[in-house]
C-alpha atoms as a PDB file:
ATOM      1  CA  LEU A   1      -2.078  34.206   6.069  1.00  0.00           C
ATOM      2  CA  ILE A   2      -1.764  37.396   8.258  1.00  0.00           C
ATOM      3  CA  HIS A   3      -2.106  39.624   4.455  1.00  0.00           C
ATOM      4  CA  PHE A   4      -5.367  37.835   4.049  1.00  0.00           C
ATOM      5  CA  TYR A   5      -6.766  38.834   7.203  1.00  0.00           C
ATOM      6  CA  GLN A   6      -5.772  42.266   6.734  1.00  0.00           C
ATOM      7  CA  ARG A   7      -7.232  42.614   3.358  1.00  0.00           C
ATOM      8  CA  LEU A   8      -9.878  41.103   5.072  1.00  0.00           C
ATOM      9  CA  LEU A   9     -10.046  43.534   7.814  1.00  0.00           C
ATOM     10  CA  LEU A  10      -9.615  46.288   4.947  1.00  0.00           C
ATOM     11  CA  VAL A  11     -12.737  45.333   2.980  1.00  0.00           C
ATOM     12  CA  GLN A  12     -15.023  44.932   6.366  1.00  0.00           C
ATOM     13  CA  ILE A  13     -13.765  48.421   7.018  1.00  0.00           C
ATOM     14  CA  SER A  14     -14.560  49.848   3.980  1.00  0.00           C
ATOM     15  CA  MET A  15     -17.722  48.171   4.007  1.00  0.00           C
ATOM     16  CA  SER A  16     -19.246  49.318   6.999  1.00  0.00           C
ATOM     17  CA  ILE A  17     -21.808  52.101   7.854  1.00  0.00           C
ATOM     18  CA  PRO A  18     -19.859  55.446   8.144  1.00  0.00           C
ATOM     19  CA  ASP A  19     -19.486  57.767  11.249  1.00  0.00           C
ATOM     20  CA  LYS A  20     -22.544  60.242  11.817  1.00  0.00           C
ATOM     21  CA  ASN A  21     -20.071  63.205  11.102  1.00  0.00           C
ATOM     22  CA  TRP A  22     -19.605  61.863   7.808  1.00  0.00           C
ATOM     23  CA  GLN A  23     -22.049  64.071   5.782  1.00  0.00           C
ATOM     24  CA  PRO A  24     -20.700  64.695   1.903  1.00  0.00           C
ATOM     25  CA  PRO A  25     -22.669  67.782   1.077  1.00  0.00           C
ATOM     26  CA  THR A  26     -22.777  66.744  -2.407  1.00  0.00           C
ATOM     27  CA  VAL A  27     -22.668  63.763  -4.728  1.00  0.00           C
ATOM     28  CA  THR A  28     -21.630  63.846  -8.012  1.00  0.00           C
ATOM     29  CA  MET A  29     -22.814  61.061 -10.673  1.00  0.00           C
ATOM     30  CA  VAL A  30     -21.498  60.989 -14.731  1.00  0.00           C
ATOM     31  CA  THR A  31     -23.951  59.862 -16.881  1.00  0.00           C
ATOM     32  CA  SER A  32     -23.343  58.685 -20.587  1.00  0.00           C
ATOM     33  CA  MET A  33     -25.420  61.866 -21.203  1.00  0.00           C
ATOM     34  CA  GLY A  34     -23.418  64.291 -19.061  1.00  0.00           C
ATOM     35  CA  GLU A  35     -22.643  65.110 -15.082  1.00  0.00           C
ATOM     36  CA  VAL A  36     -25.352  65.464 -12.573  1.00  0.00           C
ATOM     37  CA  VAL A  37     -24.483  66.625  -9.515  1.00  0.00           C
ATOM     38  CA  VAL A  38     -27.325  66.628  -6.240  1.00  0.00           C
ATOM     39  CA  GLU A  39     -27.022  68.162  -2.970  1.00  0.00           C
ATOM     40  CA  LEU A  40     -27.965  66.395   0.000  1.00  0.00           C
ATOM     41  CA  TYR A  41     -30.310  67.546   2.488  1.00  0.00           C
ATOM     42  CA  TRP A  42     -28.499  65.911   5.702  1.00  0.00           C
ATOM     43  CA  LYS A  43     -30.872  67.972   7.848  1.00  0.00           C
ATOM     44  CA  HIS A  44     -33.760  66.675   6.658  1.00  0.00           C
ATOM     45  CA  ALA A  45     -33.042  62.544   5.857  1.00  0.00           C
ATOM     46  CA  PRO A  46     -29.940  61.783   7.484  1.00  0.00           C
ATOM     47  CA  LEU A  47     -30.173  57.907   6.990  1.00  0.00           C
ATOM     48  CA  THR A  48     -31.120  58.386   3.027  1.00  0.00           C
ATOM     49  CA  CYS A  49     -28.516  60.329   2.638  1.00  0.00           C
ATOM     50  CA  ARG A  50     -25.554  58.107   4.531  1.00  0.00           C
ATOM     51  CA  ASN A  51     -27.046  55.392   2.278  1.00  0.00           C
ATOM     52  CA  PHE A  52     -26.945  57.307  -0.758  1.00  0.00           C
ATOM     53  CA  ALA A  53     -23.446  59.128  -0.294  1.00  0.00           C
ATOM     54  CA  GLU A  54     -21.953  55.766   0.919  1.00  0.00           C
ATOM     55  CA  LEU A  55     -23.780  53.853  -2.044  1.00  0.00           C
ATOM     56  CA  ALA A  56     -22.013  56.258  -4.326  1.00  0.00           C
ATOM     57  CA  ARG A  57     -18.218  56.045  -1.815  1.00  0.00           C
ATOM     58  CA  ARG A  58     -18.496  52.166  -2.522  1.00  0.00           C
ATOM     59  CA  GLY A  59     -19.014  51.936  -6.625  1.00  0.00           C
ATOM     60  CA  TYR A  60     -22.405  50.838  -6.149  1.00  0.00           C
ATOM     61  CA  TYR A  61     -23.755  53.008  -8.687  1.00  0.00           C
ATOM     62  CA  ASN A  62     -21.502  53.117 -11.198  1.00  0.00           C
ATOM     63  CA  ASN A  63     -22.122  51.324 -14.641  1.00  0.00           C
ATOM     64  CA  THR A  64     -25.929  51.241 -13.639  1.00  0.00           C
ATOM     65  CA  LYS A  65     -28.889  51.925 -15.878  1.00  0.00           C
ATOM     66  CA  PHE A  66     -31.623  54.682 -15.716  1.00  0.00           C
ATOM     67  CA  HIS A  67     -34.302  52.032 -16.276  1.00  0.00           C
ATOM     68  CA  ARG A  68     -37.491  53.982 -15.584  1.00  0.00           C
ATOM     69  CA  ILE A  69     -37.726  56.857 -17.404  1.00  0.00           C
ATOM     70  CA  ILE A  70     -40.943  58.946 -17.887  1.00  0.00           C
ATOM     71  CA  LYS A  71     -41.267  62.237 -19.751  1.00  0.00           C
ATOM     72  CA  ASP A  72     -42.190  65.414 -17.575  1.00  0.00           C
ATOM     73  CA  PHE A  73     -42.409  63.143 -14.440  1.00  0.00           C
ATOM     74  CA  MET A  74     -39.099  61.285 -13.750  1.00  0.00           C
ATOM     75  CA  ILE A  75     -35.909  59.413 -14.381  1.00  0.00           C
ATOM     76  CA  GLN A  76     -34.873  56.345 -11.908  1.00  0.00           C
ATOM     77  CA  GLY A  77     -32.200  54.675 -11.411  1.00  0.00           C
ATOM     78  CA  GLY A  78     -29.949  52.683  -8.475  1.00  0.00           C
ATOM     79  CA  ASP A  79     -30.896  49.222  -9.347  1.00  0.00           C
ATOM     80  CA  PRO A  80     -28.217  47.258  -9.687  1.00  0.00           C
ATOM     81  CA  THR A  81     -30.174  44.666 -11.826  1.00  0.00           C
ATOM     82  CA  ALA A  82     -31.577  47.195 -14.090  1.00  0.00           C
ATOM     83  CA  THR A  83     -35.283  45.450 -13.353  1.00  0.00           C
ATOM     84  CA  GLY A  84     -36.837  47.823 -10.778  1.00  0.00           C
ATOM     85  CA  ARG A  85     -36.885  45.261  -8.338  1.00  0.00           C
ATOM     86  CA  GLY A  86     -33.243  45.354  -7.350  1.00  0.00           C
ATOM     87  CA  GLY A  87     -30.930  46.591  -4.790  1.00  0.00           C
ATOM     88  CA  ALA A  88     -30.045  46.608  -1.273  1.00  0.00           C
ATOM     89  CA  SER A  89     -29.500  49.741   1.225  1.00  0.00           C
ATOM     90  CA  ILE A  90     -26.393  49.740   3.429  1.00  0.00           C
ATOM     91  CA  TYR A  91     -28.668  49.086   6.590  1.00  0.00           C
ATOM     92  CA  GLY A  92     -29.950  45.539   5.021  1.00  0.00           C
ATOM     93  CA  LYS A  93     -32.379  45.558   2.017  1.00  0.00           C
ATOM     94  CA  ASN A  94     -34.743  48.133   2.994  1.00  0.00           C
ATOM     95  CA  PHE A  95     -34.668  50.619   5.654  1.00  0.00           C
ATOM     96  CA  ASP A  96     -37.959  52.928   7.303  1.00  0.00           C
ATOM     97  CA  ASP A  97     -39.096  56.367   5.148  1.00  0.00           C
ATOM     98  CA  GLU A  98     -37.475  59.876   6.396  1.00  0.00           C
ATOM     99  CA  ILE A  99     -40.797  62.005   5.275  1.00  0.00           C
ATOM    100  CA  SER A 100     -40.178  65.807   6.691  1.00  0.00           C
ATOM    101  CA  THR A 101     -43.492  67.647   6.296  1.00  0.00           C
ATOM    102  CA  GLU A 102     -41.057  70.854   4.953  1.00  0.00           C
ATOM    103  CA  LEU A 103     -39.694  69.096   1.597  1.00  0.00           C
ATOM    104  CA  LYS A 104     -42.326  68.849  -1.061  1.00  0.00           C
ATOM    105  CA  HIS A 105     -41.709  67.442  -4.864  1.00  0.00           C
ATOM    106  CA  THR A 106     -42.509  71.032  -6.110  1.00  0.00           C
ATOM    107  CA  GLY A 107     -40.482  70.925  -9.473  1.00  0.00           C
ATOM    108  CA  ALA A 108     -38.067  69.455 -11.318  1.00  0.00           C
ATOM    109  CA  GLY A 109     -34.780  68.479 -10.118  1.00  0.00           C
ATOM    110  CA  ILE A 110     -36.082  66.989  -6.768  1.00  0.00           C
ATOM    111  CA  LEU A 111     -33.974  63.908  -5.193  1.00  0.00           C
ATOM    112  CA  SER A 112     -35.966  60.966  -3.799  1.00  0.00           C
ATOM    113  CA  MET A 113     -35.986  57.625  -2.845  1.00  0.00           C
ATOM    114  CA  ALA A 114     -38.132  55.009  -5.320  1.00  0.00           C
ATOM    115  CA  ASN A 115     -40.128  52.699  -2.949  1.00  0.00           C
ATOM    116  CA  SER A 116     -42.747  50.006  -3.001  1.00  0.00           C
ATOM    117  CA  GLY A 117     -44.576  51.036  -0.163  1.00  0.00           C
ATOM    118  CA  PRO A 118     -44.020  52.235   3.304  1.00  0.00           C
ATOM    119  CA  ASP A 119     -40.341  51.859   4.604  1.00  0.00           C
ATOM    120  CA  THR A 120     -39.587  49.862   1.715  1.00  0.00           C
ATOM    121  CA  ASN A 121     -35.871  52.228   0.453  1.00  0.00           C
ATOM    122  CA  GLY A 122     -33.128  49.884  -0.664  1.00  0.00           C
ATOM    123  CA  SER A 123     -30.969  51.721  -3.188  1.00  0.00           C
ATOM    124  CA  GLN A 124     -33.752  53.026  -5.747  1.00  0.00           C
ATOM    125  CA  PHE A 125     -33.786  56.936  -6.075  1.00  0.00           C
ATOM    126  CA  PHE A 126     -35.920  59.140  -8.656  1.00  0.00           C
ATOM    127  CA  ILE A 127     -35.152  62.743  -9.416  1.00  0.00           C
ATOM    128  CA  THR A 128     -38.165  64.445 -10.853  1.00  0.00           C
ATOM    129  CA  LEU A 129     -38.795  66.687 -14.265  1.00  0.00           C
ATOM    130  CA  ALA A 130     -41.876  68.605 -12.826  1.00  0.00           C
ATOM    131  CA  PRO A 131     -43.911  69.604 -10.185  1.00  0.00           C
ATOM    132  CA  THR A 132     -45.354  65.796  -8.307  1.00  0.00           C
ATOM    133  CA  ASN A 133     -46.889  66.713  -5.376  1.00  0.00           C
ATOM    134  CA  TRP A 134     -48.929  63.662  -5.383  1.00  0.00           C
ATOM    135  CA  LEU A 135     -45.837  62.073  -4.446  1.00  0.00           C
ATOM    136  CA  ASP A 136     -45.451  64.261  -1.216  1.00  0.00           C
ATOM    137  CA  GLY A 137     -45.588  62.333   2.406  1.00  0.00           C
ATOM    138  CA  LYS A 138     -44.931  58.729   0.431  1.00  0.00           C
ATOM    139  CA  HIS A 139     -41.450  59.306  -0.818  1.00  0.00           C
ATOM    140  CA  THR A 140     -38.455  60.687   1.276  1.00  0.00           C
ATOM    141  CA  ILE A 141     -37.093  63.682  -0.504  1.00  0.00           C
ATOM    142  CA  PHE A 142     -33.292  63.850   0.555  1.00  0.00           C
ATOM    143  CA  GLY A 143     -31.506  66.273  -2.042  1.00  0.00           C
ATOM    144  CA  ARG A 144     -32.086  68.440  -5.378  1.00  0.00           C
ATOM    145  CA  VAL A 145     -29.936  68.660  -8.632  1.00  0.00           C
ATOM    146  CA  GLN A 146     -27.321  71.544  -7.650  1.00  0.00           C
ATOM    147  CA  THR A 147     -25.492  71.096 -11.078  1.00  0.00           C
ATOM    148  CA  GLY A 148     -26.771  69.172 -14.292  1.00  0.00           C
ATOM    149  CA  MET A 149     -30.473  69.410 -14.641  1.00  0.00           C
ATOM    150  CA  ARG A 150     -29.873  70.391 -18.593  1.00  0.00           C
ATOM    151  CA  THR A 151     -28.467  66.470 -18.641  1.00  0.00           C
ATOM    152  CA  VAL A 152     -31.597  65.178 -16.490  1.00  0.00           C
ATOM    153  CA  LYS A 153     -33.788  66.904 -19.039  1.00  0.00           C
ATOM    154  CA  MET A 154     -32.090  65.307 -21.580  1.00  0.00           C
ATOM    155  CA  ILE A 155     -32.173  61.783 -20.263  1.00  0.00           C
ATOM    156  CA  GLY A 156     -35.943  62.091 -19.228  1.00  0.00           C
ATOM    157  CA  GLN A 157     -36.181  62.809 -23.522  1.00  0.00           C
ATOM    158  CA  SER A 158     -34.754  59.902 -23.574  1.00  0.00           C
ATOM    159  CA  GLU A 159     -37.335  57.134 -26.290  1.00  0.00           C
ATOM    160  CA  THR A 160     -38.539  54.147 -24.122  1.00  0.00           C
ATOM    161  CA  ASP A 161     -40.651  51.367 -24.619  1.00  0.00           C
ATOM    162  CA  ASN A 162     -43.854  50.746 -23.632  1.00  0.00           C
ATOM    163  CA  ASN A 163     -43.075  49.433 -20.405  1.00  0.00           C
ATOM    164  CA  ASP A 164     -40.942  52.915 -19.723  1.00  0.00           C
ATOM    165  CA  ARG A 165     -37.572  51.624 -20.128  1.00  0.00           C
ATOM    166  CA  PRO A 166     -35.184  53.550 -22.293  1.00  0.00           C
ATOM    167  CA  VAL A 167     -34.510  51.835 -26.016  1.00  0.00           C
ATOM    168  CA  ASP A 168     -30.662  52.983 -25.550  1.00  0.00           C
ATOM    169  CA  ASP A 169     -29.081  52.478 -22.039  1.00  0.00           C
ATOM    170  CA  VAL A 170     -28.489  55.953 -20.167  1.00  0.00           C
ATOM    171  CA  LYS A 171     -25.805  54.453 -17.333  1.00  0.00           C
ATOM    172  CA  ILE A 172     -24.564  56.093 -14.503  1.00  0.00           C
ATOM    173  CA  VAL A 173     -21.101  55.410 -15.385  1.00  0.00           C
ATOM    174  CA  ARG A 174     -19.902  56.125 -11.845  1.00  0.00           C
ATOM    175  CA  ALA A 175     -20.980  58.370  -9.009  1.00  0.00           C
ATOM    176  CA  ALA A 176     -18.872  59.608  -6.031  1.00  0.00           C
ATOM    177  CA  ALA A 177     -19.429  61.390  -2.979  1.00  0.00           C
ATOM    178  CA  ASN A 178     -17.840  64.668  -2.559  1.00  0.00           C
ATOM    179  CA  ASN A 179     -15.950  65.816   0.377  1.00  0.00           C
ATOM    180  CA  LEU A 180     -15.568  69.068   1.518  1.00  0.00           C
END
């Protein structure tokens, strides 16, 4: 019985919200098409970065699909149901936007939160394939692709159906937060 409670405590500790001093600078996503390393913008979006890095640390994104791909626009992932309607943050179902006027969707490789309106961030994110300035002020930008832009572009060229879903699965095989 003691071992059961020790294991339960370990699970609870591993699923808690990390300390504010835990700020891994990057997250690596190994996809079915190659590796992508994203730099996180802790200064501008600390809650969003903590959410993304912690979900990666927990293995939440492992074996999930890029469920929405629109050529010359963006690739979207982070939904464990692969429907575009699932996922939750480490803070509960949703958390508030962290919009910074200093950050804009100026080109390919911007890492931003997908949402269904103001303050509805969960686990879903997207990476831009081109400038998307109409999204400025509506989606929290929390990073950029540091390495692996070629992989992002290859994912962006995937064949899709009429609902922008890839015909063949494109997956995040595993994601991990990278400490210094």
